[in-house]
Amino acid sequence: MEPRQKKLIALIILVPGLVAYAGAAGALGAALPHTTLLQLPYYITAGIAWIFPARWLIQWAEREPKAAPDRPETPS
């Protein structure tokens, strides 16, 4: 797959995925009891957790395609 196609696929997955993640994390955070001792660690963790799948997706999109192995020519 060409790098340009992979970047487009990553963009199509990443943008709506981050929007959905932010909405879900915010809704879950709002459902927590309103104490700083619970909300602070939750929002710190939720604010960092999205980085790992996004990093994997970006690395996949930036990876160069594997070169096809050279085929020895066969006599006709």
PDB file of N, CA and C in Angstrom:
ATOM      1  N   MET A   1       0.851  -1.163   0.000  1.00  0.00           N
ATOM      2  CA  MET A   1       0.000   0.000   0.000  1.00  0.00           C
ATOM      3  C   MET A   1       0.905   1.238   0.000  1.00  0.00           C
ATOM      4  N   GLU A   2       0.543   2.209  -0.761  1.00  0.00           N
ATOM      5  CA  GLU A   2       1.336   3.432  -0.861  1.00  0.00           C
ATOM      6  C   GLU A   2       1.212   4.265   0.415  1.00  0.00           C
ATOM      7  N   PRO A   3       2.286   4.987   0.765  1.00  0.00           N
ATOM      8  CA  PRO A   3       2.240   5.813   1.984  1.00  0.00           C
ATOM      9  C   PRO A   3       1.107   6.845   1.957  1.00  0.00           C
ATOM     10  N   ARG A   4       0.807   7.374   0.807  1.00  0.00           N
ATOM     11  CA  ARG A   4      -0.263   8.377   0.713  1.00  0.00           C
ATOM     12  C   ARG A   4      -1.620   7.767   1.081  1.00  0.00           C
ATOM     13  N   GLN A   5      -1.867   6.545   0.631  1.00  0.00           N
ATOM     14  CA  GLN A   5      -3.121   5.866   0.959  1.00  0.00           C
ATOM     15  C   GLN A   5      -3.184   5.551   2.450  1.00  0.00           C
ATOM     16  N   LYS A   6      -2.056   5.112   3.006  1.00  0.00           N
ATOM     17  CA  LYS A   6      -2.025   4.783   4.426  1.00  0.00           C
ATOM     18  C   LYS A   6      -2.278   6.023   5.279  1.00  0.00           C
ATOM     19  N   LYS A   7      -1.748   7.159   4.881  1.00  0.00           N
ATOM     20  CA  LYS A   7      -1.970   8.402   5.629  1.00  0.00           C
ATOM     21  C   LYS A   7      -3.435   8.817   5.580  1.00  0.00           C
ATOM     22  N   LEU A   8      -4.069   8.627   4.439  1.00  0.00           N
ATOM     23  CA  LEU A   8      -5.488   8.953   4.318  1.00  0.00           C
ATOM     24  C   LEU A   8      -6.325   8.044   5.211  1.00  0.00           C
ATOM     25  N   ILE A   9      -6.022   6.756   5.210  1.00  0.00           N
ATOM     26  CA  ILE A   9      -6.745   5.813   6.065  1.00  0.00           C
ATOM     27  C   ILE A   9      -6.546   6.178   7.536  1.00  0.00           C
ATOM     28  N   ALA A  10      -5.307   6.501   7.913  1.00  0.00           N
ATOM     29  CA  ALA A  10      -5.027   6.880   9.303  1.00  0.00           C
ATOM     30  C   ALA A  10      -5.808   8.130   9.688  1.00  0.00           C
ATOM     31  N   LEU A  11      -5.881   9.098   8.798  1.00  0.00           N
ATOM     32  CA  LEU A  11      -6.629  10.324   9.075  1.00  0.00           C
ATOM     33  C   LEU A  11      -8.116  10.031   9.241  1.00  0.00           C
ATOM     34  N   ILE A  12      -8.649   9.178   8.389  1.00  0.00           N
ATOM     35  CA  ILE A  12     -10.078   8.831   8.459  1.00  0.00           C
ATOM     36  C   ILE A  12     -10.398   8.100   9.757  1.00  0.00           C
ATOM     37  N   ILE A  13      -9.459   7.332  10.266  1.00  0.00           N
ATOM     38  CA  ILE A  13      -9.677   6.613  11.527  1.00  0.00           C
ATOM     39  C   ILE A  13      -9.388   7.513  12.727  1.00  0.00           C
ATOM     40  N   LEU A  14      -8.317   8.286  12.661  1.00  0.00           N
ATOM     41  CA  LEU A  14      -7.842   9.040  13.812  1.00  0.00           C
ATOM     42  C   LEU A  14      -8.771  10.183  14.225  1.00  0.00           C
ATOM     43  N   VAL A  15      -9.227  10.976  13.284  1.00  0.00           N
ATOM     44  CA  VAL A  15     -10.029  12.154  13.649  1.00  0.00           C
ATOM     45  C   VAL A  15     -11.361  11.756  14.295  1.00  0.00           C
ATOM     46  N   PRO A  16     -12.181  10.912  13.653  1.00  0.00           N
ATOM     47  CA  PRO A  16     -13.427  10.530  14.340  1.00  0.00           C
ATOM     48  C   PRO A  16     -13.170   9.712  15.607  1.00  0.00           C
ATOM     49  N   GLY A  17     -12.084   8.932  15.608  1.00  0.00           N
ATOM     50  CA  GLY A  17     -11.758   8.152  16.794  1.00  0.00           C
ATOM     51  C   GLY A  17     -11.429   9.033  17.982  1.00  0.00           C
ATOM     52  N   LEU A  18     -10.665  10.094  17.740  1.00  0.00           N
ATOM     53  CA  LEU A  18     -10.334  11.007  18.835  1.00  0.00           C
ATOM     54  C   LEU A  18     -11.559  11.769  19.321  1.00  0.00           C
ATOM     55  N   VAL A  19     -12.439  12.143  18.409  1.00  0.00           N
ATOM     56  CA  VAL A  19     -13.673  12.835  18.807  1.00  0.00           C
ATOM     57  C   VAL A  19     -14.534  11.910  19.668  1.00  0.00           C
ATOM     58  N   ALA A  20     -14.665  10.659  19.232  1.00  0.00           N
ATOM     59  CA  ALA A  20     -15.463   9.690  20.003  1.00  0.00           C
ATOM     60  C   ALA A  20     -14.820   9.415  21.359  1.00  0.00           C
ATOM     61  N   TYR A  21     -13.493   9.287  21.375  1.00  0.00           N
ATOM     62  CA  TYR A  21     -12.784   9.043  22.628  1.00  0.00           C
ATOM     63  C   TYR A  21     -12.973  10.218  23.597  1.00  0.00           C
ATOM     64  N   ALA A  22     -12.838  11.428  23.095  1.00  0.00           N
ATOM     65  CA  ALA A  22     -13.000  12.600  23.953  1.00  0.00           C
ATOM     66  C   ALA A  22     -14.416  12.676  24.515  1.00  0.00           C
ATOM     67  N   GLY A  23     -15.400  12.378  23.689  1.00  0.00           N
ATOM     68  CA  GLY A  23     -16.784  12.388  24.165  1.00  0.00           C
ATOM     69  C   GLY A  23     -17.035  11.327  25.224  1.00  0.00           C
ATOM     70  N   ALA A  24     -16.527  10.130  24.975  1.00  0.00           N
ATOM     71  CA  ALA A  24     -16.718   9.037  25.939  1.00  0.00           C
ATOM     72  C   ALA A  24     -15.958   9.313  27.239  1.00  0.00           C
ATOM     73  N   ALA A  25     -14.730   9.812  27.128  1.00  0.00           N
ATOM     74  CA  ALA A  25     -13.943  10.114  28.326  1.00  0.00           C
ATOM     75  C   ALA A  25     -14.597  11.235  29.133  1.00  0.00           C
ATOM     76  N   GLY A  26     -15.125  12.241  28.451  1.00  0.00           N
ATOM     77  CA  GLY A  26     -15.806  13.331  29.149  1.00  0.00           C
ATOM     78  C   GLY A  26     -17.089  12.875  29.814  1.00  0.00           C
ATOM     79  N   ALA A  27     -17.847  12.025  29.127  1.00  0.00           N
ATOM     80  CA  ALA A  27     -19.096  11.525  29.714  1.00  0.00           C
ATOM     81  C   ALA A  27     -18.818  10.648  30.927  1.00  0.00           C
ATOM     82  N   LEU A  28     -17.790   9.814  30.815  1.00  0.00           N
ATOM     83  CA  LEU A  28     -17.443   8.962  31.943  1.00  0.00           C
ATOM     84  C   LEU A  28     -16.898   9.798  33.097  1.00  0.00           C
ATOM     85  N   GLY A  29     -16.116  10.806  32.788  1.00  0.00           N
ATOM     86  CA  GLY A  29     -15.595  11.686  33.827  1.00  0.00           C
ATOM     87  C   GLY A  29     -16.692  12.461  34.533  1.00  0.00           C
ATOM     88  N   ALA A  30     -17.715  12.843  33.788  1.00  0.00           N
ATOM     89  CA  ALA A  30     -18.828  13.564  34.396  1.00  0.00           C
ATOM     90  C   ALA A  30     -19.650  12.655  35.308  1.00  0.00           C
ATOM     91  N   ALA A  31     -19.600  11.357  35.061  1.00  0.00           N
ATOM     92  CA  ALA A  31     -20.356  10.411  35.887  1.00  0.00           C
ATOM     93  C   ALA A  31     -19.637  10.089  37.197  1.00  0.00           C
ATOM     94  N   LEU A  32     -18.356  10.452  37.291  1.00  0.00           N
ATOM     95  CA  LEU A  32     -17.616  10.211  38.529  1.00  0.00           C
ATOM     96  C   LEU A  32     -18.126  11.141  39.630  1.00  0.00           C
ATOM     97  N   PRO A  33     -17.974  10.717  40.867  1.00  0.00           N
ATOM     98  CA  PRO A  33     -18.316  11.638  41.963  1.00  0.00           C
ATOM     99  C   PRO A  33     -17.460  12.902  41.871  1.00  0.00           C
ATOM    100  N   HIS A  34     -18.011  14.011  42.261  1.00  0.00           N
ATOM    101  CA  HIS A  34     -17.340  15.302  42.113  1.00  0.00           C
ATOM    102  C   HIS A  34     -16.333  15.546  43.240  1.00  0.00           C
ATOM    103  N   THR A  35     -15.321  14.703  43.271  1.00  0.00           N
ATOM    104  CA  THR A  35     -14.221  14.900  44.211  1.00  0.00           C
ATOM    105  C   THR A  35     -12.924  14.960  43.419  1.00  0.00           C
ATOM    106  N   THR A  36     -12.073  15.850  43.813  1.00  0.00           N
ATOM    107  CA  THR A  36     -10.803  16.038  43.113  1.00  0.00           C
ATOM    108  C   THR A  36      -9.935  14.790  43.185  1.00  0.00           C
ATOM    109  N   LEU A  37     -10.007  14.060  44.275  1.00  0.00           N
ATOM    110  CA  LEU A  37      -9.183  12.862  44.429  1.00  0.00           C
ATOM    111  C   LEU A  37      -9.540  11.768  43.433  1.00  0.00           C
ATOM    112  N   LEU A  38     -10.753  11.765  42.929  1.00  0.00           N
ATOM    113  CA  LEU A  38     -11.140  10.786  41.905  1.00  0.00           C
ATOM    114  C   LEU A  38     -10.999  11.357  40.496  1.00  0.00           C
ATOM    115  N   GLN A  39     -11.412  12.583  40.320  1.00  0.00           N
ATOM    116  CA  GLN A  39     -11.422  13.151  38.981  1.00  0.00           C
ATOM    117  C   GLN A  39     -10.035  13.482  38.447  1.00  0.00           C
ATOM    118  N   LEU A  40      -9.152  13.981  39.282  1.00  0.00           N
ATOM    119  CA  LEU A  40      -7.818  14.359  38.816  1.00  0.00           C
ATOM    120  C   LEU A  40      -7.053  13.173  38.222  1.00  0.00           C
ATOM    121  N   PRO A  41      -6.932  12.041  38.935  1.00  0.00           N
ATOM    122  CA  PRO A  41      -6.213  10.924  38.315  1.00  0.00           C
ATOM    123  C   PRO A  41      -6.926  10.379  37.072  1.00  0.00           C
ATOM    124  N   TYR A  42      -8.254  10.410  37.083  1.00  0.00           N
ATOM    125  CA  TYR A  42      -8.995   9.930  35.911  1.00  0.00           C
ATOM    126  C   TYR A  42      -8.680  10.798  34.692  1.00  0.00           C
ATOM    127  N   TYR A  43      -8.782  12.104  34.818  1.00  0.00           N
ATOM    128  CA  TYR A  43      -8.558  12.979  33.670  1.00  0.00           C
ATOM    129  C   TYR A  43      -7.100  12.978  33.220  1.00  0.00           C
ATOM    130  N   ILE A  44      -6.170  12.801  34.135  1.00  0.00           N
ATOM    131  CA  ILE A  44      -4.764  12.684  33.736  1.00  0.00           C
ATOM    132  C   ILE A  44      -4.569  11.404  32.921  1.00  0.00           C
ATOM    133  N   THR A  45      -5.120  10.297  33.426  1.00  0.00           N
ATOM    134  CA  THR A  45      -5.002   9.017  32.711  1.00  0.00           C
ATOM    135  C   THR A  45      -5.724   9.065  31.373  1.00  0.00           C
ATOM    136  N   ALA A  46      -6.931   9.594  31.358  1.00  0.00           N
ATOM    137  CA  ALA A  46      -7.688   9.671  30.107  1.00  0.00           C
ATOM    138  C   ALA A  46      -7.030  10.622  29.114  1.00  0.00           C
ATOM    139  N   GLY A  47      -6.370  11.647  29.608  1.00  0.00           N
ATOM    140  CA  GLY A  47      -5.698  12.592  28.732  1.00  0.00           C
ATOM    141  C   GLY A  47      -4.443  12.028  28.100  1.00  0.00           C
ATOM    142  N   ILE A  48      -3.849  11.030  28.724  1.00  0.00           N
ATOM    143  CA  ILE A  48      -2.631  10.417  28.192  1.00  0.00           C
ATOM    144  C   ILE A  48      -2.933   9.143  27.404  1.00  0.00           C
ATOM    145  N   ALA A  49      -3.987   8.439  27.751  1.00  0.00           N
ATOM    146  CA  ALA A  49      -4.259   7.113  27.181  1.00  0.00           C
ATOM    147  C   ALA A  49      -4.474   7.127  25.668  1.00  0.00           C
ATOM    148  N   TRP A  50      -4.990   8.204  25.115  1.00  0.00           N
ATOM    149  CA  TRP A  50      -5.258   8.244  23.672  1.00  0.00           C
ATOM    150  C   TRP A  50      -3.968   8.259  22.856  1.00  0.00           C
ATOM    151  N   ILE A  51      -2.862   8.640  23.488  1.00  0.00           N
ATOM    152  CA  ILE A  51      -1.604   8.775  22.759  1.00  0.00           C
ATOM    153  C   ILE A  51      -1.126   7.434  22.212  1.00  0.00           C
ATOM    154  N   PHE A  52      -1.310   6.349  22.959  1.00  0.00           N
ATOM    155  CA  PHE A  52      -0.755   5.060  22.554  1.00  0.00           C
ATOM    156  C   PHE A  52      -1.383   4.508  21.279  1.00  0.00           C
ATOM    157  N   PRO A  53      -2.711   4.451  21.145  1.00  0.00           N
ATOM    158  CA  PRO A  53      -3.254   3.985  19.863  1.00  0.00           C
ATOM    159  C   PRO A  53      -2.995   4.975  18.724  1.00  0.00           C
ATOM    160  N   ALA A  54      -2.991   6.268  19.027  1.00  0.00           N
ATOM    161  CA  ALA A  54      -2.713   7.260  17.977  1.00  0.00           C
ATOM    162  C   ALA A  54      -1.277   7.129  17.494  1.00  0.00           C
ATOM    163  N   ARG A  55      -0.357   6.891  18.412  1.00  0.00           N
ATOM    164  CA  ARG A  55       1.048   6.725  18.037  1.00  0.00           C
ATOM    165  C   ARG A  55       1.222   5.507  17.134  1.00  0.00           C
ATOM    166  N   TRP A  56       0.577   4.408  17.504  1.00  0.00           N
ATOM    167  CA  TRP A  56       0.671   3.196  16.683  1.00  0.00           C
ATOM    168  C   TRP A  56       0.133   3.468  15.282  1.00  0.00           C
ATOM    169  N   LEU A  57      -0.995   4.151  15.177  1.00  0.00           N
ATOM    170  CA  LEU A  57      -1.605   4.434  13.886  1.00  0.00           C
ATOM    171  C   LEU A  57      -0.724   5.342  13.037  1.00  0.00           C
ATOM    172  N   ILE A  58      -0.138   6.349  13.642  1.00  0.00           N
ATOM    173  CA  ILE A  58       0.733   7.268  12.910  1.00  0.00           C
ATOM    174  C   ILE A  58       2.005   6.551  12.460  1.00  0.00           C
ATOM    175  N   GLN A  59       2.562   5.715  13.325  1.00  0.00           N
ATOM    176  CA  GLN A  59       3.751   4.953  12.916  1.00  0.00           C
ATOM    177  C   GLN A  59       3.429   4.018  11.759  1.00  0.00           C
ATOM    178  N   TRP A  60       2.279   3.389  11.788  1.00  0.00           N
ATOM    179  CA  TRP A  60       1.872   2.521  10.693  1.00  0.00           C
ATOM    180  C   TRP A  60       1.756   3.309   9.392  1.00  0.00           C
ATOM    181  N   ALA A  61       1.169   4.495   9.466  1.00  0.00           N
ATOM    182  CA  ALA A  61       0.971   5.304   8.268  1.00  0.00           C
ATOM    183  C   ALA A  61       2.299   5.809   7.707  1.00  0.00           C
ATOM    184  N   GLU A  62       3.269   6.063   8.565  1.00  0.00           N
ATOM    185  CA  GLU A  62       4.555   6.595   8.129  1.00  0.00           C
ATOM    186  C   GLU A  62       5.539   5.514   7.682  1.00  0.00           C
ATOM    187  N   ARG A  63       5.256   4.268   8.004  1.00  0.00           N
ATOM    188  CA  ARG A  63       6.172   3.182   7.679  1.00  0.00           C
ATOM    189  C   ARG A  63       6.286   3.017   6.166  1.00  0.00           C
ATOM    190  N   GLU A  64       7.493   2.833   5.720  1.00  0.00           N
ATOM    191  CA  GLU A  64       7.734   2.624   4.295  1.00  0.00           C
ATOM    192  C   GLU A  64       7.221   1.241   3.888  1.00  0.00           C
ATOM    193  N   PRO A  65       6.721   1.132   2.675  1.00  0.00           N
ATOM    194  CA  PRO A  65       6.264  -0.186   2.232  1.00  0.00           C
ATOM    195  C   PRO A  65       7.445  -1.154   2.116  1.00  0.00           C
ATOM    196  N   LYS A  66       7.149  -2.404   2.375  1.00  0.00           N
ATOM    197  CA  LYS A  66       8.189  -3.420   2.275  1.00  0.00           C
ATOM    198  C   LYS A  66       8.513  -3.659   0.809  1.00  0.00           C
ATOM    199  N   ALA A  67       9.782  -3.778   0.532  1.00  0.00           N
ATOM    200  CA  ALA A  67      10.204  -4.036  -0.843  1.00  0.00           C
ATOM    201  C   ALA A  67       9.906  -5.483  -1.190  1.00  0.00           C
ATOM    202  N   ALA A  68       9.467  -5.686  -2.409  1.00  0.00           N
ATOM    203  CA  ALA A  68       9.190  -7.046  -2.873  1.00  0.00           C
ATOM    204  C   ALA A  68      10.522  -7.754  -3.076  1.00  0.00           C
ATOM    205  N   PRO A  69      10.574  -9.023  -2.695  1.00  0.00           N
ATOM    206  CA  PRO A  69      11.834  -9.757  -2.902  1.00  0.00           C
ATOM    207  C   PRO A  69      12.135  -9.898  -4.381  1.00  0.00           C
ATOM    208  N   ASP A  70      13.397  -9.817  -4.701  1.00  0.00           N
ATOM    209  CA  ASP A  70      13.782  -9.951  -6.112  1.00  0.00           C
ATOM    210  C   ASP A  70      13.522 -11.383  -6.573  1.00  0.00           C
ATOM    211  N   ARG A  71      12.919 -11.459  -7.719  1.00  0.00           N
ATOM    212  CA  ARG A  71      12.653 -12.780  -8.297  1.00  0.00           C
ATOM    213  C   ARG A  71      13.731 -13.095  -9.321  1.00  0.00           C
ATOM    214  N   PRO A  72      14.306 -14.268  -9.216  1.00  0.00           N
ATOM    215  CA  PRO A  72      15.260 -14.636 -10.258  1.00  0.00           C
ATOM    216  C   PRO A  72      14.536 -14.885 -11.575  1.00  0.00           C
ATOM    217  N   GLU A  73      15.155 -14.439 -12.628  1.00  0.00           N
ATOM    218  CA  GLU A  73      14.526 -14.628 -13.930  1.00  0.00           C
ATOM    219  C   GLU A  73      14.644 -16.096 -14.330  1.00  0.00           C
ATOM    220  N   THR A  74      13.554 -16.600 -14.853  1.00  0.00           N
ATOM    221  CA  THR A  74      13.570 -17.987 -15.316  1.00  0.00           C
ATOM    222  C   THR A  74      13.745 -18.001 -16.826  1.00  0.00           C
ATOM    223  N   PRO A  75      14.540 -18.940 -17.334  1.00  0.00           N
ATOM    224  CA  PRO A  75      14.719 -18.997 -18.783  1.00  0.00           C
ATOM    225  C   PRO A  75      13.424 -19.431 -19.469  1.00  0.00           C
ATOM    226  N   SER A  76      13.175 -18.900 -20.641  1.00  0.00           N
ATOM    227  CA  SER A  76      11.936 -19.242 -21.380  1.00  0.00           C
ATOM    228  C   SER A  76      12.102 -20.485 -22.198  1.00  0.00           C
TER     229      SER A  76
END
